[in-house]
Structures are given as structure tokens and as C-alpha cells.
Amino acid sequence: ADPPAPGAQPGPDGAGRSVTVAAVQGNVPDRG
């Protein structure tokens, strides 16, 4: 199903809960 709108309340079993995650790609100074 489509993800719930931000701030939407989850169901009684936690279904429909949404969270915000961040993935950090810092990079490297040299290749190889």
C-alpha cells in the first residue's frame, strides 16, 4: 500500500507507521 502521509497515526498493531531515515554517504579521499 502507499506509504502513510507524514504525521498519520499508526493502527493499533503498529501497521501503517512511518519513520524518517537518513543515509550519509561521506565519500573517500582516494579511489582504489
PDB file of all heavy atoms in Angstrom:
ATOM      1  N   ALA A   1       0.838  -1.187   0.000  1.00  0.00           N
ATOM      2  CA  ALA A   1       0.000   0.000   0.000  1.00  0.00           C
ATOM      3  C   ALA A   1       0.877   1.242   0.000  1.00  0.00           C
ATOM      4  O   ALA A   1       2.043   1.216   0.409  1.00  0.00           O
ATOM      5  CB  ALA A   1      -0.913  -0.010   1.222  1.00  0.00           C
ATOM      6  N   ASP A   2       0.314   2.340  -0.486  1.00  0.00           N
ATOM      7  CA  ASP A   2       1.055   3.593  -0.479  1.00  0.00           C
ATOM      8  C   ASP A   2       1.446   3.965   0.942  1.00  0.00           C
ATOM      9  O   ASP A   2       0.693   3.709   1.895  1.00  0.00           O
ATOM     10  CB  ASP A   2       0.200   4.717  -1.072  1.00  0.00           C
ATOM     11  CG  ASP A   2      -0.035   4.533  -2.560  1.00  0.00           C
ATOM     12  OD1 ASP A   2       0.814   3.888  -3.203  1.00  0.00           O
ATOM     13  OD2 ASP A   2      -1.060   5.017  -3.065  1.00  0.00           O
ATOM     14  N   PRO A   3       2.647   4.545   1.123  1.00  0.00           N
ATOM     15  CA  PRO A   3       3.072   4.906   2.480  1.00  0.00           C
ATOM     16  C   PRO A   3       2.146   5.947   3.084  1.00  0.00           C
ATOM     17  O   PRO A   3       1.552   6.762   2.367  1.00  0.00           O
ATOM     18  CB  PRO A   3       4.487   5.472   2.257  1.00  0.00           C
ATOM     19  CG  PRO A   3       4.532   5.863   0.824  1.00  0.00           C
ATOM     20  CD  PRO A   3       3.623   4.916   0.103  1.00  0.00           C
ATOM     21  N   PRO A   4       1.982   5.915   4.405  1.00  0.00           N
ATOM     22  CA  PRO A   4       1.105   6.887   5.055  1.00  0.00           C
ATOM     23  C   PRO A   4       1.668   8.287   4.957  1.00  0.00           C
ATOM     24  O   PRO A   4       2.874   8.487   4.811  1.00  0.00           O
ATOM     25  CB  PRO A   4       1.063   6.403   6.510  1.00  0.00           C
ATOM     26  CG  PRO A   4       2.354   5.647   6.691  1.00  0.00           C
ATOM     27  CD  PRO A   4       2.629   5.013   5.357  1.00  0.00           C
ATOM     28  N   ALA A   5       0.786   9.257   5.015  1.00  0.00           N
ATOM     29  CA  ALA A   5       1.224  10.646   4.999  1.00  0.00           C
ATOM     30  C   ALA A   5       1.987  10.961   6.276  1.00  0.00           C
ATOM     31  O   ALA A   5       1.726  10.369   7.333  1.00  0.00           O
ATOM     32  CB  ALA A   5       0.009  11.567   4.870  1.00  0.00           C
ATOM     33  N   PRO A   6       2.969  11.854   6.208  1.00  0.00           N
ATOM     34  CA  PRO A   6       3.708  12.231   7.413  1.00  0.00           C
ATOM     35  C   PRO A   6       2.744  12.691   8.507  1.00  0.00           C
ATOM     36  O   PRO A   6       1.813  13.453   8.275  1.00  0.00           O
ATOM     37  CB  PRO A   6       4.610  13.376   6.927  1.00  0.00           C
ATOM     38  CG  PRO A   6       4.772  13.131   5.460  1.00  0.00           C
ATOM     39  CD  PRO A   6       3.461  12.559   5.011  1.00  0.00           C
ATOM     40  N   GLY A   7       2.951  12.179   9.714  1.00  0.00           N
ATOM     41  CA  GLY A   7       2.112  12.548  10.841  1.00  0.00           C
ATOM     42  C   GLY A   7       0.885  11.683  11.010  1.00  0.00           C
ATOM     43  O   GLY A   7       0.165  11.823  11.999  1.00  0.00           O
ATOM     44  N   ALA A   8       0.633  10.767  10.067  1.00  0.00           N
ATOM     45  CA  ALA A   8      -0.525   9.891  10.183  1.00  0.00           C
ATOM     46  C   ALA A   8      -0.348   8.937  11.358  1.00  0.00           C
ATOM     47  O   ALA A   8       0.759   8.478  11.650  1.00  0.00           O
ATOM     48  CB  ALA A   8      -0.723   9.100   8.889  1.00  0.00           C
ATOM     49  N   GLN A   9      -1.433   8.618  12.036  1.00  0.00           N
ATOM     50  CA  GLN A   9      -1.378   7.753  13.196  1.00  0.00           C
ATOM     51  C   GLN A   9      -1.364   6.285  12.759  1.00  0.00           C
ATOM     52  O   GLN A   9      -2.157   5.886  11.898  1.00  0.00           O
ATOM     53  CB  GLN A   9      -2.585   8.002  14.106  1.00  0.00           C
ATOM     54  CG  GLN A   9      -2.595   9.385  14.748  1.00  0.00           C
ATOM     55  CD  GLN A   9      -1.393   9.587  15.656  1.00  0.00           C
ATOM     56  OE1 GLN A   9      -1.048   8.709  16.444  1.00  0.00           O
ATOM     57  NE2 GLN A   9      -0.762  10.750  15.542  1.00  0.00           N
ATOM     58  N   PRO A  10      -0.487   5.473  13.354  1.00  0.00           N
ATOM     59  CA  PRO A  10      -0.467   4.053  13.016  1.00  0.00           C
ATOM     60  C   PRO A  10      -1.675   3.336  13.585  1.00  0.00           C
ATOM     61  O   PRO A  10      -2.352   3.826  14.497  1.00  0.00           O
ATOM     62  CB  PRO A  10       0.835   3.558  13.675  1.00  0.00           C
ATOM     63  CG  PRO A  10       1.049   4.495  14.817  1.00  0.00           C
ATOM     64  CD  PRO A  10       0.537   5.824  14.349  1.00  0.00           C
ATOM     65  N   GLY A  11      -1.925   2.138  13.047  1.00  0.00           N
ATOM     66  CA  GLY A  11      -3.004   1.321  13.548  1.00  0.00           C
ATOM     67  C   GLY A  11      -2.669   0.754  14.910  1.00  0.00           C
ATOM     68  O   GLY A  11      -1.561   0.921  15.433  1.00  0.00           O
ATOM     69  N   PRO A  12      -3.620   0.045  15.522  1.00  0.00           N
ATOM     70  CA  PRO A  12      -3.398  -0.485  16.866  1.00  0.00           C
ATOM     71  C   PRO A  12      -2.265  -1.490  16.953  1.00  0.00           C
ATOM     72  O   PRO A  12      -1.675  -1.663  18.013  1.00  0.00           O
ATOM     73  CB  PRO A  12      -4.754  -1.143  17.204  1.00  0.00           C
ATOM     74  CG  PRO A  12      -5.424  -1.368  15.885  1.00  0.00           C
ATOM     75  CD  PRO A  12      -4.966  -0.245  15.005  1.00  0.00           C
ATOM     76  N   ASP A  13      -1.950  -2.172  15.846  1.00  0.00           N
ATOM     77  CA  ASP A  13      -0.851  -3.138  15.851  1.00  0.00           C
ATOM     78  C   ASP A  13       0.437  -2.552  15.304  1.00  0.00           C
ATOM     79  O   ASP A  13       1.400  -3.271  15.052  1.00  0.00           O
ATOM     80  CB  ASP A  13      -1.227  -4.376  15.031  1.00  0.00           C
ATOM     81  CG  ASP A  13      -1.491  -4.047  13.564  1.00  0.00           C
ATOM     82  OD1 ASP A  13      -1.599  -2.836  13.246  1.00  0.00           O
ATOM     83  OD2 ASP A  13      -1.573  -4.987  12.765  1.00  0.00           O
ATOM     84  N   GLY A  14       0.459  -1.228  15.110  1.00  0.00           N
ATOM     85  CA  GLY A  14       1.653  -0.587  14.582  1.00  0.00           C
ATOM     86  C   GLY A  14       1.674  -0.520  13.082  1.00  0.00           C
ATOM     87  O   GLY A  14       2.582   0.072  12.498  1.00  0.00           O
ATOM     88  N   ALA A  15       0.668  -1.111  12.424  1.00  0.00           N
ATOM     89  CA  ALA A  15       0.633  -1.084  10.968  1.00  0.00           C
ATOM     90  C   ALA A  15       0.443   0.346  10.480  1.00  0.00           C
ATOM     91  O   ALA A  15      -0.291   1.134  11.057  1.00  0.00           O
ATOM     92  CB  ALA A  15      -0.496  -1.972  10.453  1.00  0.00           C
ATOM     93  N   GLY A  16       1.110   0.665   9.395  1.00  0.00           N
ATOM     94  CA  GLY A  16       0.977   1.997   8.821  1.00  0.00           C
ATOM     95  C   GLY A  16       1.888   3.032   9.435  1.00  0.00           C
ATOM     96  O   GLY A  16       1.789   4.216   9.097  1.00  0.00           O
ATOM     97  N   ARG A  17       2.792   2.626  10.294  1.00  0.00           N
ATOM     98  CA  ARG A  17       3.707   3.574  10.900  1.00  0.00           C
ATOM     99  C   ARG A  17       4.770   3.989   9.904  1.00  0.00           C
ATOM    100  O   ARG A  17       5.276   3.165   9.145  1.00  0.00           O
ATOM    101  CB  ARG A  17       4.363   2.953  12.137  1.00  0.00           C
ATOM    102  CG  ARG A  17       5.339   3.883  12.849  1.00  0.00           C
ATOM    103  CD  ARG A  17       6.076   3.154  13.947  1.00  0.00           C
ATOM    104  NE  ARG A  17       7.098   4.002  14.554  1.00  0.00           N
ATOM    105  CZ  ARG A  17       8.060   3.558  15.352  1.00  0.00           C
ATOM    106  NH1 ARG A  17       8.111   2.261  15.632  1.00  0.00           N
ATOM    107  NH2 ARG A  17       8.956   4.385  15.852  1.00  0.00           N
ATOM    108  N   SER A  18       5.112   5.246   9.883  1.00  0.00           N
ATOM    109  CA  SER A  18       6.178   5.729   9.012  1.00  0.00           C
ATOM    110  C   SER A  18       7.245   6.413   9.853  1.00  0.00           C
ATOM    111  O   SER A  18       6.969   6.957  10.931  1.00  0.00           O
ATOM    112  CB  SER A  18       5.630   6.700   7.964  1.00  0.00           C
ATOM    113  OG  SER A  18       5.074   7.835   8.587  1.00  0.00           O
ATOM    114  N   VAL A  19       8.477   6.380   9.370  1.00  0.00           N
ATOM    115  CA  VAL A  19       9.613   6.981  10.064  1.00  0.00           C
ATOM    116  C   VAL A  19      10.474   7.706   9.032  1.00  0.00           C
ATOM    117  O   VAL A  19      10.406   7.417   7.834  1.00  0.00           O
ATOM    118  CB  VAL A  19      10.465   5.920  10.800  1.00  0.00           C
ATOM    119  CG1 VAL A  19       9.660   5.234  11.898  1.00  0.00           C
ATOM    120  CG2 VAL A  19      11.016   4.898   9.814  1.00  0.00           C
ATOM    121  N   THR A  20      11.281   8.608   9.513  1.00  0.00           N
ATOM    122  CA  THR A  20      12.228   9.305   8.645  1.00  0.00           C
ATOM    123  C   THR A  20      13.629   8.765   8.914  1.00  0.00           C
ATOM    124  O   THR A  20      14.058   8.675  10.065  1.00  0.00           O
ATOM    125  CB  THR A  20      12.196  10.822   8.902  1.00  0.00           C
ATOM    126  OG1 THR A  20      10.866  11.306   8.654  1.00  0.00           O
ATOM    127  CG2 THR A  20      13.154  11.550   7.984  1.00  0.00           C
ATOM    128  N   VAL A  21      14.303   8.398   7.851  1.00  0.00           N
ATOM    129  CA  VAL A  21      15.664   7.871   7.958  1.00  0.00           C
ATOM    130  C   VAL A  21      16.597   8.725   7.107  1.00  0.00           C
ATOM    131  O   VAL A  21      16.170   9.350   6.128  1.00  0.00           O
ATOM    132  CB  VAL A  21      15.751   6.395   7.517  1.00  0.00           C
ATOM    133  CG1 VAL A  21      14.951   5.501   8.446  1.00  0.00           C
ATOM    134  CG2 VAL A  21      15.264   6.232   6.081  1.00  0.00           C
ATOM    135  N   ALA A  22      17.863   8.727   7.488  1.00  0.00           N
ATOM    136  CA  ALA A  22      18.884   9.463   6.736  1.00  0.00           C
ATOM    137  C   ALA A  22      20.047   8.536   6.444  1.00  0.00           C
ATOM    138  O   ALA A  22      20.516   7.817   7.341  1.00  0.00           O
ATOM    139  CB  ALA A  22      19.359  10.683   7.517  1.00  0.00           C
ATOM    140  N   ALA A  23      20.502   8.529   5.211  1.00  0.00           N
ATOM    141  CA  ALA A  23      21.669   7.748   4.793  1.00  0.00           C
ATOM    142  C   ALA A  23      22.788   8.719   4.433  1.00  0.00           C
ATOM    143  O   ALA A  23      22.618   9.572   3.560  1.00  0.00           O
ATOM    144  CB  ALA A  23      21.330   6.867   3.592  1.00  0.00           C
ATOM    145  N   VAL A  24      23.916   8.592   5.111  1.00  0.00           N
ATOM    146  CA  VAL A  24      25.038   9.517   4.934  1.00  0.00           C
ATOM    147  C   VAL A  24      26.124   8.853   4.104  1.00  0.00           C
ATOM    148  O   VAL A  24      26.696   7.830   4.499  1.00  0.00           O
ATOM    149  CB  VAL A  24      25.610   9.966   6.297  1.00  0.00           C
ATOM    150  CG1 VAL A  24      26.841  10.845   6.090  1.00  0.00           C
ATOM    151  CG2 VAL A  24      24.546  10.711   7.092  1.00  0.00           C
ATOM    152  N   GLN A  25      26.398   9.415   2.949  1.00  0.00           N
ATOM    153  CA  GLN A  25      27.480   8.958   2.071  1.00  0.00           C
ATOM    154  C   GLN A  25      28.597   9.990   2.155  1.00  0.00           C
ATOM    155  O   GLN A  25      28.574  11.024   1.497  1.00  0.00           O
ATOM    156  CB  GLN A  25      26.965   8.825   0.638  1.00  0.00           C
ATOM    157  CG  GLN A  25      28.003   8.390  -0.384  1.00  0.00           C
ATOM    158  CD  GLN A  25      27.410   8.230  -1.770  1.00  0.00           C
ATOM    159  OE1 GLN A  25      26.493   7.434  -1.968  1.00  0.00           O
ATOM    160  NE2 GLN A  25      27.916   8.991  -2.731  1.00  0.00           N
ATOM    161  N   GLY A  26      29.588   9.710   2.985  1.00  0.00           N
ATOM    162  CA  GLY A  26      30.622  10.711   3.262  1.00  0.00           C
ATOM    163  C   GLY A  26      31.679  10.844   2.205  1.00  0.00           C
ATOM    164  O   GLY A  26      32.400  11.840   2.157  1.00  0.00           O
ATOM    165  N   ASN A  27      31.841   9.825   1.375  1.00  0.00           N
ATOM    166  CA  ASN A  27      32.852   9.760   0.319  1.00  0.00           C
ATOM    167  C   ASN A  27      34.224   9.419   0.914  1.00  0.00           C
ATOM    168  O   ASN A  27      34.433   9.430   2.128  1.00  0.00           O
ATOM    169  CB  ASN A  27      32.924  11.050  -0.498  1.00  0.00           C
ATOM    170  CG  ASN A  27      33.564  10.826  -1.859  1.00  0.00           C
ATOM    171  OD1 ASN A  27      33.679   9.700  -2.331  1.00  0.00           O
ATOM    172  ND2 ASN A  27      33.999  11.905  -2.494  1.00  0.00           N
ATOM    173  N   VAL A  28      35.154   9.102   0.042  1.00  0.00           N
ATOM    174  CA  VAL A  28      36.512   8.721   0.444  1.00  0.00           C
ATOM    175  C   VAL A  28      37.515   9.635  -0.256  1.00  0.00           C
ATOM    176  O   VAL A  28      37.236  10.166  -1.334  1.00  0.00           O
ATOM    177  CB  VAL A  28      36.803   7.243   0.082  1.00  0.00           C
ATOM    178  CG1 VAL A  28      35.846   6.311   0.810  1.00  0.00           C
ATOM    179  CG2 VAL A  28      36.713   7.010  -1.411  1.00  0.00           C
ATOM    180  N   PRO A  29      38.682   9.834   0.339  1.00  0.00           N
ATOM    181  CA  PRO A  29      39.650  10.743  -0.276  1.00  0.00           C
ATOM    182  C   PRO A  29      40.353  10.172  -1.487  1.00  0.00           C
ATOM    183  O   PRO A  29      40.825  10.913  -2.342  1.00  0.00           O
ATOM    184  CB  PRO A  29      40.650  11.007   0.857  1.00  0.00           C
ATOM    185  CG  PRO A  29      40.543   9.806   1.735  1.00  0.00           C
ATOM    186  CD  PRO A  29      39.117   9.362   1.666  1.00  0.00           C
ATOM    187  N   ASP A  30      40.442   8.832  -1.566  1.00  0.00           N
ATOM    188  CA  ASP A  30      41.151   8.196  -2.673  1.00  0.00           C
ATOM    189  C   ASP A  30      40.356   7.009  -3.161  1.00  0.00           C
ATOM    190  O   ASP A  30      39.691   6.324  -2.381  1.00  0.00           O
ATOM    191  CB  ASP A  30      42.539   7.722  -2.240  1.00  0.00           C
ATOM    192  CG  ASP A  30      43.445   8.864  -1.853  1.00  0.00           C
ATOM    193  OD1 ASP A  30      43.728   9.697  -2.723  1.00  0.00           O
ATOM    194  OD2 ASP A  30      43.839   8.919  -0.670  1.00  0.00           O
ATOM    195  N   ARG A  31      40.445   6.735  -4.465  1.00  0.00           N
ATOM    196  CA  ARG A  31      39.817   5.562  -5.027  1.00  0.00           C
ATOM    197  C   ARG A  31      40.792   4.398  -4.964  1.00  0.00           C
ATOM    198  O   ARG A  31      41.998   4.573  -4.947  1.00  0.00           O
ATOM    199  CB  ARG A  31      39.393   5.819  -6.479  1.00  0.00           C
ATOM    200  CG  ARG A  31      38.484   7.016  -6.606  1.00  0.00           C
ATOM    201  CD  ARG A  31      38.222   7.401  -8.045  1.00  0.00           C
ATOM    202  NE  ARG A  31      37.540   8.703  -8.115  1.00  0.00           N
ATOM    203  CZ  ARG A  31      37.210   9.306  -9.227  1.00  0.00           C
ATOM    204  NH1 ARG A  31      37.473   8.748 -10.387  1.00  0.00           N
ATOM    205  NH2 ARG A  31      36.596  10.477  -9.193  1.00  0.00           N
ATOM    206  N   GLY A  32      40.209   3.209  -4.969  1.00  0.00           N
ATOM    207  CA  GLY A  32      41.053   2.031  -5.040  1.00  0.00           C
ATOM    208  C   GLY A  32      41.340   1.434  -3.684  1.00  0.00           C
ATOM    209  O   GLY A  32      40.726   1.746  -2.670  1.00  0.00           O
TER     210      GLY A  32
END
